[in-house]
PDB file of N, CA and C in Angstrom:
ATOM      1  N   MET A   1     -15.169 -61.394  57.211  1.00  0.00           N
ATOM      2  CA  MET A   1     -14.673 -61.015  58.401  1.00  0.00           C
ATOM      3  C   MET A   1     -13.474 -60.098  58.142  1.00  0.00           C
ATOM      4  N   ALA A   2     -13.449 -58.916  58.878  1.00  0.00           N
ATOM      5  CA  ALA A   2     -12.259 -57.937  58.458  1.00  0.00           C
ATOM      6  C   ALA A   2     -10.905 -58.517  59.101  1.00  0.00           C
ATOM      7  N   LYS A   3      -9.972 -58.046  58.368  1.00  0.00           N
ATOM      8  CA  LYS A   3      -8.533 -58.286  58.846  1.00  0.00           C
ATOM      9  C   LYS A   3      -8.107 -57.115  59.582  1.00  0.00           C
ATOM     10  N   LEU A   4      -7.025 -57.291  60.372  1.00  0.00           N
ATOM     11  CA  LEU A   4      -6.448 -56.270  61.215  1.00  0.00           C
ATOM     12  C   LEU A   4      -6.023 -55.078  60.258  1.00  0.00           C
ATOM     13  N   ARG A   5      -5.421 -55.490  59.160  1.00  0.00           N
ATOM     14  CA  ARG A   5      -4.923 -54.377  58.196  1.00  0.00           C
ATOM     15  C   ARG A   5      -6.083 -53.490  57.639  1.00  0.00           C
ATOM     16  N   GLN A   6      -7.317 -54.000  57.602  1.00  0.00           N
ATOM     17  CA  GLN A   6      -8.383 -53.192  57.143  1.00  0.00           C
ATOM     18  C   GLN A   6      -8.944 -52.330  58.229  1.00  0.00           C
ATOM     19  N   VAL A   7      -8.823 -52.464  59.497  1.00  0.00           N
ATOM     20  CA  VAL A   7      -9.494 -51.779  60.491  1.00  0.00           C
ATOM     21  C   VAL A   7      -8.406 -50.747  61.085  1.00  0.00           C
ATOM     22  N   CYS A   8      -7.137 -50.822  60.749  1.00  0.00           N
ATOM     23  CA  CYS A   8      -6.155 -49.866  61.391  1.00  0.00           C
ATOM     24  C   CYS A   8      -5.642 -49.046  60.177  1.00  0.00           C
ATOM     25  N   ARG A   9      -5.396 -47.795  60.457  1.00  0.00           N
ATOM     26  CA  ARG A   9      -4.717 -47.024  59.498  1.00  0.00           C
ATOM     27  C   ARG A   9      -3.295 -47.086  59.629  1.00  0.00           C
ATOM     28  N   HIS A  10      -2.676 -47.607  60.592  1.00  0.00           N
ATOM     29  CA  HIS A  10      -1.216 -47.734  60.703  1.00  0.00           C
ATOM     30  C   HIS A  10      -1.033 -48.855  61.646  1.00  0.00           C
ATOM     31  N   ILE A  11      -0.057 -49.630  61.493  1.00  0.00           N
ATOM     32  CA  ILE A  11       0.460 -50.695  62.379  1.00  0.00           C
ATOM     33  C   ILE A  11       1.908 -50.560  62.378  1.00  0.00           C
ATOM     34  N   ARG A  12       2.566 -50.617  63.740  1.00  0.00           N
ATOM     35  CA  ARG A  12       3.906 -50.658  63.480  1.00  0.00           C
ATOM     36  C   ARG A  12       4.515 -51.351  64.812  1.00  0.00           C
ATOM     37  N   SER A  13       5.845 -51.937  64.593  1.00  0.00           N
ATOM     38  CA  SER A  13       6.472 -52.441  65.737  1.00  0.00           C
ATOM     39  C   SER A  13       7.824 -51.934  65.890  1.00  0.00           C
ATOM     40  N   LYS A  14       8.319 -52.040  67.235  1.00  0.00           N
ATOM     41  CA  LYS A  14       9.608 -51.408  67.488  1.00  0.00           C
ATOM     42  C   LYS A  14      10.022 -52.072  68.820  1.00  0.00           C
ATOM     43  N   ASN A  15      11.415 -51.736  68.978  1.00  0.00           N
ATOM     44  CA  ASN A  15      12.060 -52.007  70.200  1.00  0.00           C
ATOM     45  C   ASN A  15      11.370 -51.386  71.309  1.00  0.00           C
ATOM     46  N   ALA A  16      11.447 -52.137  72.506  1.00  0.00           N
ATOM     47  CA  ALA A  16      11.068 -51.447  73.811  1.00  0.00           C
ATOM     48  C   ALA A  16      12.123 -51.775  74.803  1.00  0.00           C
ATOM     49  N   GLY A  17      13.396 -51.699  74.283  1.00  0.00           N
ATOM     50  CA  GLY A  17      14.448 -52.197  75.078  1.00  0.00           C
ATOM     51  C   GLY A  17      15.043 -53.383  74.465  1.00  0.00           C
ATOM     52  N   PRO A  18      16.024 -53.936  75.071  1.00  0.00           N
ATOM     53  CA  PRO A  18      16.763 -55.088  74.624  1.00  0.00           C
ATOM     54  C   PRO A  18      15.892 -56.346  74.766  1.00  0.00           C
ATOM     55  N   PHE A  19      15.034 -56.368  75.675  1.00  0.00           N
ATOM     56  CA  PHE A  19      14.095 -57.501  75.872  1.00  0.00           C
ATOM     57  C   PHE A  19      12.742 -57.674  75.635  1.00  0.00           C
ATOM     58  N   TRP A  20      12.309 -56.461  75.112  1.00  0.00           N
ATOM     59  CA  TRP A  20      10.783 -56.306  74.733  1.00  0.00           C
ATOM     60  C   TRP A  20      10.517 -55.824  73.380  1.00  0.00           C
ATOM     61  N   VAL A  21       9.479 -56.013  72.857  1.00  0.00           N
ATOM     62  CA  VAL A  21       8.950 -55.580  71.615  1.00  0.00           C
ATOM     63  C   VAL A  21       7.471 -54.862  71.828  1.00  0.00           C
ATOM     64  N   THR A  22       7.248 -53.710  71.181  1.00  0.00           N
ATOM     65  CA  THR A  22       5.991 -53.132  71.329  1.00  0.00           C
ATOM     66  C   THR A  22       5.423 -53.032  69.900  1.00  0.00           C
ATOM     67  N   ILE A  23       4.212 -53.368  69.913  1.00  0.00           N
ATOM     68  CA  ILE A  23       3.483 -53.191  68.652  1.00  0.00           C
ATOM     69  C   ILE A  23       2.201 -52.138  68.867  1.00  0.00           C
ATOM     70  N   ASP A  24       2.158 -51.155  67.963  1.00  0.00           N
ATOM     71  CA  ASP A  24       1.228 -50.207  68.144  1.00  0.00           C
ATOM     72  C   ASP A  24       0.114 -50.331  66.923  1.00  0.00           C
ATOM     73  N   LEU A  25      -1.140 -50.438  67.403  1.00  0.00           N
ATOM     74  CA  LEU A  25      -2.245 -50.659  66.311  1.00  0.00           C
ATOM     75  C   LEU A  25      -3.100 -49.147  66.395  1.00  0.00           C
ATOM     76  N   PHE A  26      -2.942 -48.392  65.357  1.00  0.00           N
ATOM     77  CA  PHE A  26      -3.669 -47.189  65.327  1.00  0.00           C
ATOM     78  C   PHE A  26      -5.010 -47.327  64.466  1.00  0.00           C
ATOM     79  N   PHE A  27      -6.087 -47.584  65.071  1.00  0.00           N
ATOM     80  CA  PHE A  27      -7.346 -47.896  64.426  1.00  0.00           C
ATOM     81  C   PHE A  27      -7.828 -46.747  63.615  1.00  0.00           C
ATOM     82  N   ASP A  28      -8.508 -46.957  62.546  1.00  0.00           N
ATOM     83  CA  ASP A  28      -8.832 -45.997  61.680  1.00  0.00           C
ATOM     84  C   ASP A  28     -10.175 -45.053  62.154  1.00  0.00           C
ATOM     85  N   GLY A  29     -10.511 -45.268  63.207  1.00  0.00           N
ATOM     86  CA  GLY A  29     -11.645 -44.535  63.802  1.00  0.00           C
ATOM     87  C   GLY A  29     -12.053 -44.866  65.184  1.00  0.00           C
ATOM     88  N   THR A  30     -13.013 -44.310  65.662  1.00  0.00           N
ATOM     89  CA  THR A  30     -13.463 -44.707  66.995  1.00  0.00           C
ATOM     90  C   THR A  30     -14.370 -45.816  66.834  1.00  0.00           C
ATOM     91  N   ASP A  31     -15.105 -46.095  65.967  1.00  0.00           N
ATOM     92  CA  ASP A  31     -15.939 -47.204  65.901  1.00  0.00           C
ATOM     93  C   ASP A  31     -15.133 -48.475  65.905  1.00  0.00           C
ATOM     94  N   ASN A  32     -14.288 -48.604  64.999  1.00  0.00           N
ATOM     95  CA  ASN A  32     -13.300 -49.828  65.051  1.00  0.00           C
ATOM     96  C   ASN A  32     -12.528 -50.027  66.270  1.00  0.00           C
ATOM     97  N   TYR A  33     -12.035 -48.804  66.723  1.00  0.00           N
ATOM     98  CA  TYR A  33     -11.256 -48.998  67.870  1.00  0.00           C
ATOM     99  C   TYR A  33     -12.061 -49.560  69.090  1.00  0.00           C
ATOM    100  N   GLN A  34     -13.390 -49.041  69.302  1.00  0.00           N
ATOM    101  CA  GLN A  34     -14.201 -49.580  70.380  1.00  0.00           C
ATOM    102  C   GLN A  34     -14.555 -50.959  70.084  1.00  0.00           C
ATOM    103  N   LYS A  35     -14.874 -51.279  68.875  1.00  0.00           N
ATOM    104  CA  LYS A  35     -15.201 -52.572  68.624  1.00  0.00           C
ATOM    105  C   LYS A  35     -14.185 -53.728  68.624  1.00  0.00           C
ATOM    106  N   TYR A  36     -12.877 -53.226  68.445  1.00  0.00           N
ATOM    107  CA  TYR A  36     -11.643 -54.303  68.555  1.00  0.00           C
ATOM    108  C   TYR A  36     -10.795 -54.138  69.715  1.00  0.00           C
ATOM    109  N   ARG A  37     -10.924 -53.080  70.455  1.00  0.00           N
ATOM    110  CA  ARG A  37      -9.912 -52.801  71.527  1.00  0.00           C
ATOM    111  C   ARG A  37      -9.835 -53.891  72.503  1.00  0.00           C
ATOM    112  N   ASP A  38     -10.845 -54.519  72.887  1.00  0.00           N
ATOM    113  CA  ASP A  38     -10.678 -55.675  73.834  1.00  0.00           C
ATOM    114  C   ASP A  38     -10.921 -57.008  73.226  1.00  0.00           C
ATOM    115  N   SER A  39     -10.788 -57.112  71.915  1.00  0.00           N
ATOM    116  CA  SER A  39     -10.921 -58.445  71.291  1.00  0.00           C
ATOM    117  C   SER A  39      -9.743 -59.386  71.782  1.00  0.00           C
ATOM    118  N   GLU A  40     -10.323 -60.705  71.923  1.00  0.00           N
ATOM    119  CA  GLU A  40      -9.323 -61.803  72.082  1.00  0.00           C
ATOM    120  C   GLU A  40      -8.359 -62.167  71.154  1.00  0.00           C
ATOM    121  N   VAL A  41      -8.735 -61.799  69.893  1.00  0.00           N
ATOM    122  CA  VAL A  41      -7.859 -61.891  68.869  1.00  0.00           C
ATOM    123  C   VAL A  41      -6.565 -61.133  69.115  1.00  0.00           C
ATOM    124  N   LEU A  42      -6.570 -59.981  69.864  1.00  0.00           N
ATOM    125  CA  LEU A  42      -5.434 -59.301  70.318  1.00  0.00           C
ATOM    126  C   LEU A  42      -4.849 -59.592  71.639  1.00  0.00           C
ATOM    127  N   GLY A  43      -5.289 -60.749  72.266  1.00  0.00           N
ATOM    128  CA  GLY A  43      -4.991 -61.144  73.358  1.00  0.00           C
ATOM    129  C   GLY A  43      -3.504 -61.900  73.530  1.00  0.00           C
ATOM    130  N   ALA A  44      -3.168 -62.214  74.730  1.00  0.00           N
ATOM    131  CA  ALA A  44      -1.884 -62.830  75.073  1.00  0.00           C
ATOM    132  C   ALA A  44      -1.694 -64.241  74.254  1.00  0.00           C
ATOM    133  N   ALA A  45      -2.809 -65.036  74.111  1.00  0.00           N
ATOM    134  CA  ALA A  45      -2.592 -66.211  73.441  1.00  0.00           C
ATOM    135  C   ALA A  45      -2.301 -66.055  71.970  1.00  0.00           C
ATOM    136  N   THR A  46      -2.632 -65.153  71.400  1.00  0.00           N
ATOM    137  CA  THR A  46      -2.295 -64.793  69.955  1.00  0.00           C
ATOM    138  C   THR A  46      -0.799 -64.555  69.830  1.00  0.00           C
ATOM    139  N   PHE A  47      -0.310 -63.579  70.647  1.00  0.00           N
ATOM    140  CA  PHE A  47       0.904 -63.250  70.797  1.00  0.00           C
ATOM    141  C   PHE A  47       1.987 -64.420  71.239  1.00  0.00           C
ATOM    142  N   ALA A  48       1.448 -65.198  71.977  1.00  0.00           N
ATOM    143  CA  ALA A  48       2.372 -66.351  72.464  1.00  0.00           C
ATOM    144  C   ALA A  48       2.563 -67.249  71.179  1.00  0.00           C
ATOM    145  N   SER A  49       1.502 -67.367  70.616  1.00  0.00           N
ATOM    146  CA  SER A  49       1.373 -68.443  69.343  1.00  0.00           C
ATOM    147  C   SER A  49       2.283 -67.766  68.184  1.00  0.00           C
ATOM    148  N   LEU A  50       2.143 -66.468  67.912  1.00  0.00           N
ATOM    149  CA  LEU A  50       2.896 -65.881  66.737  1.00  0.00           C
ATOM    150  C   LEU A  50       4.369 -65.690  67.025  1.00  0.00           C
ATOM    151  N   TYR A  51       4.603 -65.286  68.312  1.00  0.00           N
ATOM    152  CA  TYR A  51       5.920 -64.847  68.607  1.00  0.00           C
ATOM    153  C   TYR A  51       6.676 -65.744  69.528  1.00  0.00           C
ATOM    154  N   GLY A  52       6.049 -66.777  70.056  1.00  0.00           N
ATOM    155  CA  GLY A  52       6.832 -67.659  70.974  1.00  0.00           C
ATOM    156  C   GLY A  52       7.127 -67.083  72.389  1.00  0.00           C
ATOM    157  N   THR A  53       6.347 -66.232  72.776  1.00  0.00           N
ATOM    158  CA  THR A  53       6.580 -65.380  74.095  1.00  0.00           C
ATOM    159  C   THR A  53       5.644 -66.109  75.149  1.00  0.00           C
ATOM    160  N   ASP A  54       6.034 -65.655  76.312  1.00  0.00           N
ATOM    161  CA  ASP A  54       5.344 -66.265  77.455  1.00  0.00           C
ATOM    162  C   ASP A  54       3.933 -65.277  77.547  1.00  0.00           C
ATOM    163  N   PRO A  55       2.872 -65.901  77.396  1.00  0.00           N
ATOM    164  CA  PRO A  55       1.550 -65.216  77.396  1.00  0.00           C
ATOM    165  C   PRO A  55       1.445 -64.527  78.654  1.00  0.00           C
ATOM    166  N   GLN A  56       1.902 -64.798  79.775  1.00  0.00           N
ATOM    167  CA  GLN A  56       1.765 -64.170  81.062  1.00  0.00           C
ATOM    168  C   GLN A  56       2.514 -62.772  81.125  1.00  0.00           C
ATOM    169  N   LEU A  57       3.503 -62.631  80.151  1.00  0.00           N
ATOM    170  CA  LEU A  57       4.203 -61.350  80.022  1.00  0.00           C
ATOM    171  C   LEU A  57       3.737 -60.506  78.984  1.00  0.00           C
ATOM    172  N   VAL A  58       2.642 -60.827  78.243  1.00  0.00           N
ATOM    173  CA  VAL A  58       2.066 -59.902  77.255  1.00  0.00           C
ATOM    174  C   VAL A  58       1.346 -58.756  77.960  1.00  0.00           C
ATOM    175  N   LYS A  59       1.597 -57.605  77.638  1.00  0.00           N
ATOM    176  CA  LYS A  59       0.901 -56.414  78.272  1.00  0.00           C
ATOM    177  C   LYS A  59       0.110 -55.600  77.103  1.00  0.00           C
ATOM    178  N   ARG A  60      -1.178 -55.225  77.393  1.00  0.00           N
ATOM    179  CA  ARG A  60      -1.805 -54.629  76.392  1.00  0.00           C
ATOM    180  C   ARG A  60      -2.345 -53.252  77.148  1.00  0.00           C
ATOM    181  N   PHE A  61      -2.180 -52.200  76.319  1.00  0.00           N
ATOM    182  CA  PHE A  61      -2.619 -50.819  76.834  1.00  0.00           C
ATOM    183  C   PHE A  61      -3.540 -50.175  75.861  1.00  0.00           C
ATOM    184  N   ALA A  62      -4.754 -49.776  76.226  1.00  0.00           N
ATOM    185  CA  ALA A  62      -5.628 -49.105  75.267  1.00  0.00           C
ATOM    186  C   ALA A  62      -5.482 -47.523  75.678  1.00  0.00           C
ATOM    187  N   ILE A  63      -5.340 -46.847  74.537  1.00  0.00           N
ATOM    188  CA  ILE A  63      -5.165 -45.405  74.635  1.00  0.00           C
ATOM    189  C   ILE A  63      -6.354 -44.596  73.809  1.00  0.00           C
ATOM    190  N   ASP A  64      -7.328 -44.574  74.708  1.00  0.00           N
ATOM    191  CA  ASP A  64      -8.619 -44.086  74.042  1.00  0.00           C
ATOM    192  C   ASP A  64      -8.591 -42.811  73.275  1.00  0.00           C
ATOM    193  N   ARG A  65      -7.893 -41.818  73.790  1.00  0.00           N
ATOM    194  CA  ARG A  65      -7.919 -40.741  73.074  1.00  0.00           C
ATOM    195  C   ARG A  65      -7.330 -40.638  71.733  1.00  0.00           C
ATOM    196  N   LEU A  66      -6.419 -41.669  71.514  1.00  0.00           N
ATOM    197  CA  LEU A  66      -5.679 -41.888  70.213  1.00  0.00           C
ATOM    198  C   LEU A  66      -6.243 -43.026  69.362  1.00  0.00           C
ATOM    199  N   ASN A  67      -7.349 -43.668  69.876  1.00  0.00           N
ATOM    200  CA  ASN A  67      -7.867 -44.797  69.221  1.00  0.00           C
ATOM    201  C   ASN A  67      -6.769 -45.808  68.774  1.00  0.00           C
ATOM    202  N   THR A  68      -5.855 -46.084  69.917  1.00  0.00           N
ATOM    203  CA  THR A  68      -4.761 -46.812  69.687  1.00  0.00           C
ATOM    204  C   THR A  68      -4.624 -47.992  70.681  1.00  0.00           C
ATOM    205  N   VAL A  69      -4.203 -49.043  70.368  1.00  0.00           N
ATOM    206  CA  VAL A  69      -3.863 -50.287  71.190  1.00  0.00           C
ATOM    207  C   VAL A  69      -2.346 -50.559  71.195  1.00  0.00           C
ATOM    208  N   LYS A  70      -1.688 -50.572  72.313  1.00  0.00           N
ATOM    209  CA  LYS A  70      -0.103 -50.841  72.333  1.00  0.00           C
ATOM    210  C   LYS A  70      -0.179 -52.249  73.107  1.00  0.00           C
ATOM    211  N   ILE A  71       0.646 -53.151  72.397  1.00  0.00           N
ATOM    212  CA  ILE A  71       0.818 -54.460  72.871  1.00  0.00           C
ATOM    213  C   ILE A  71       2.401 -54.665  72.947  1.00  0.00           C
ATOM    214  N   SER A  72       2.744 -55.035  74.275  1.00  0.00           N
ATOM    215  CA  SER A  72       4.364 -55.344  74.498  1.00  0.00           C
ATOM    216  C   SER A  72       4.502 -56.718  74.889  1.00  0.00           C
ATOM    217  N   PHE A  73       5.513 -57.291  74.483  1.00  0.00           N
ATOM    218  CA  PHE A  73       5.765 -58.673  74.883  1.00  0.00           C
ATOM    219  C   PHE A  73       7.305 -58.932  74.920  1.00  0.00           C
ATOM    220  N   VAL A  74       7.723 -59.845  75.735  1.00  0.00           N
ATOM    221  CA  VAL A  74       9.207 -60.300  75.857  1.00  0.00           C
ATOM    222  C   VAL A  74       9.666 -61.016  74.585  1.00  0.00           C
ATOM    223  N   ARG A  75      10.873 -60.546  74.173  1.00  0.00           N
ATOM    224  CA  ARG A  75      11.521 -61.217  73.053  1.00  0.00           C
ATOM    225  C   ARG A  75      11.898 -62.582  73.456  1.00  0.00           C
ATOM    226  N   THR A  76      11.991 -63.541  72.342  1.00  0.00           N
ATOM    227  CA  THR A  76      12.577 -64.847  72.669  1.00  0.00           C
ATOM    228  C   THR A  76      14.018 -64.920  72.913  1.00  0.00           C
ATOM    229  N   SER A  77      14.729 -63.829  72.451  1.00  0.00           N
ATOM    230  CA  SER A  77      16.097 -63.704  72.768  1.00  0.00           C
ATOM    231  C   SER A  77      16.372 -62.192  72.772  1.00  0.00           C
ATOM    232  N   ALA A  78      17.609 -61.859  73.518  1.00  0.00           N
ATOM    233  CA  ALA A  78      17.871 -60.542  73.722  1.00  0.00           C
ATOM    234  C   ALA A  78      18.207 -59.807  72.283  1.00  0.00           C
ATOM    235  N   GLN A  79      17.885 -58.589  72.216  1.00  0.00           N
ATOM    236  CA  GLN A  79      18.242 -57.780  70.991  1.00  0.00           C
ATOM    237  C   GLN A  79      19.755 -57.838  70.717  1.00  0.00           C
ATOM    238  N   GLY A  80      20.109 -58.310  69.434  1.00  0.00           N
ATOM    239  CA  GLY A  80      21.500 -58.392  69.066  1.00  0.00           C
ATOM    240  C   GLY A  80      22.118 -59.737  69.275  1.00  0.00           C
ATOM    241  N   GLY A  81      21.284 -60.724  69.772  1.00  0.00           N
ATOM    242  CA  GLY A  81      21.640 -62.073  70.021  1.00  0.00           C
ATOM    243  C   GLY A  81      22.082 -62.695  68.783  1.00  0.00           C
ATOM    244  N   VAL A  82      22.710 -64.018  68.926  1.00  0.00           N
ATOM    245  CA  VAL A  82      23.220 -64.656  67.947  1.00  0.00           C
ATOM    246  C   VAL A  82      22.135 -65.105  66.820  1.00  0.00           C
ATOM    247  N   ILE A  83      20.729 -65.341  67.347  1.00  0.00           N
ATOM    248  CA  ILE A  83      19.737 -65.681  66.531  1.00  0.00           C
ATOM    249  C   ILE A  83      18.966 -64.555  65.932  1.00  0.00           C
ATOM    250  N   GLU A  84      19.324 -63.279  66.334  1.00  0.00           N
ATOM    251  CA  GLU A  84      18.506 -62.154  66.018  1.00  0.00           C
ATOM    252  C   GLU A  84      18.297 -61.949  64.458  1.00  0.00           C
ATOM    253  N   ARG A  85      17.116 -61.757  64.126  1.00  0.00           N
ATOM    254  CA  ARG A  85      16.768 -61.532  62.621  1.00  0.00           C
ATOM    255  C   ARG A  85      16.319 -60.014  62.383  1.00  0.00           C
ATOM    256  N   ASP A  86      15.866 -59.449  63.488  1.00  0.00           N
ATOM    257  CA  ASP A  86      15.251 -58.122  63.186  1.00  0.00           C
ATOM    258  C   ASP A  86      15.536 -57.345  64.420  1.00  0.00           C
ATOM    259  N   MET A  87      16.859 -56.809  64.453  1.00  0.00           N
ATOM    260  CA  MET A  87      17.324 -56.218  65.671  1.00  0.00           C
ATOM    261  C   MET A  87      16.538 -55.003  66.126  1.00  0.00           C
ATOM    262  N   HIS A  88      15.780 -54.180  65.349  1.00  0.00           N
ATOM    263  CA  HIS A  88      15.008 -53.100  65.631  1.00  0.00           C
ATOM    264  C   HIS A  88      13.493 -53.493  65.942  1.00  0.00           C
ATOM    265  N   ALA A  89      13.138 -54.779  65.556  1.00  0.00           N
ATOM    266  CA  ALA A  89      11.857 -55.252  65.636  1.00  0.00           C
ATOM    267  C   ALA A  89      10.904 -54.505  64.740  1.00  0.00           C
ATOM    268  N   GLY A  90      11.371 -53.947  63.681  1.00  0.00           N
ATOM    269  CA  GLY A  90      10.594 -53.124  62.774  1.00  0.00           C
ATOM    270  C   GLY A  90       9.776 -53.889  61.834  1.00  0.00           C
ATOM    271  N   GLN A  91      10.053 -55.247  61.798  1.00  0.00           N
ATOM    272  CA  GLN A  91       9.196 -56.037  60.760  1.00  0.00           C
ATOM    273  C   GLN A  91       8.287 -57.103  61.671  1.00  0.00           C
ATOM    274  N   HIS A  92       8.309 -57.049  62.925  1.00  0.00           N
ATOM    275  CA  HIS A  92       7.487 -57.946  63.677  1.00  0.00           C
ATOM    276  C   HIS A  92       6.020 -57.735  63.493  1.00  0.00           C
ATOM    277  N   TYR A  93       5.554 -56.583  63.156  1.00  0.00           N
ATOM    278  CA  TYR A  93       3.971 -56.374  62.884  1.00  0.00           C
ATOM    279  C   TYR A  93       3.459 -57.129  61.693  1.00  0.00           C
ATOM    280  N   VAL A  94       4.323 -57.617  60.681  1.00  0.00           N
ATOM    281  CA  VAL A  94       3.755 -58.256  59.577  1.00  0.00           C
ATOM    282  C   VAL A  94       3.048 -59.483  59.892  1.00  0.00           C
ATOM    283  N   ARG A  95       3.424 -60.208  60.945  1.00  0.00           N
ATOM    284  CA  ARG A  95       2.545 -61.392  61.179  1.00  0.00           C
ATOM    285  C   ARG A  95       1.209 -61.078  61.720  1.00  0.00           C
ATOM    286  N   LEU A  96       0.868 -59.921  62.061  1.00  0.00           N
ATOM    287  CA  LEU A  96      -0.459 -59.509  62.457  1.00  0.00           C
ATOM    288  C   LEU A  96      -1.381 -58.977  61.369  1.00  0.00           C
ATOM    289  N   LEU A  97      -0.865 -58.643  60.167  1.00  0.00           N
ATOM    290  CA  LEU A  97      -1.713 -57.904  59.138  1.00  0.00           C
ATOM    291  C   LEU A  97      -3.014 -58.704  58.614  1.00  0.00           C
ATOM    292  N   ASP A  98      -2.864 -60.025  58.705  1.00  0.00           N
ATOM    293  CA  ASP A  98      -3.994 -60.861  58.273  1.00  0.00           C
ATOM    294  C   ASP A  98      -4.829 -61.427  59.288  1.00  0.00           C
ATOM    295  N   LEU A  99      -4.531 -61.112  60.498  1.00  0.00           N
ATOM    296  CA  LEU A  99      -5.376 -61.581  61.598  1.00  0.00           C
ATOM    297  C   LEU A  99      -6.942 -61.267  61.318  1.00  0.00           C
ATOM    298  N   GLU A 100      -7.745 -62.342  61.421  1.00  0.00           N
ATOM    299  CA  GLU A 100      -9.196 -62.017  61.246  1.00  0.00           C
ATOM    300  C   GLU A 100      -9.760 -61.550  62.546  1.00  0.00           C
ATOM    301  N   MET A 101     -10.281 -60.461  62.552  1.00  0.00           N
ATOM    302  CA  MET A 101     -11.051 -59.832  63.743  1.00  0.00           C
ATOM    303  C   MET A 101     -12.379 -60.297  63.770  1.00  0.00           C
ATOM    304  N   ASN A 102     -12.858 -60.432  65.098  1.00  0.00           N
ATOM    305  CA  ASN A 102     -14.175 -60.737  65.354  1.00  0.00           C
ATOM    306  C   ASN A 102     -14.746 -60.018  66.453  1.00  0.00           C
TER     307      ASN A 102
END
């Protein structure tokens, strides 16, 4: 079974304001994009489990012409808060690298 890191040419995470994080998955081609674009592995339950966010507030956007999936979710605490460990959300993507895609 392929891991997410094997089917994407680039994966990044970043701030989407002080209360949201966005993760961009740039698939390595149209075939992998179409195969995994709607995968439940990239669904709200996965992000709720990995990041402790409310699954009802996970948003997924497919950008067909770029072979990209953008997933945004609510932070568990506001950016810059007392328990903040990654203020710019630049390392949030790491938890996704070894997801097994089906």
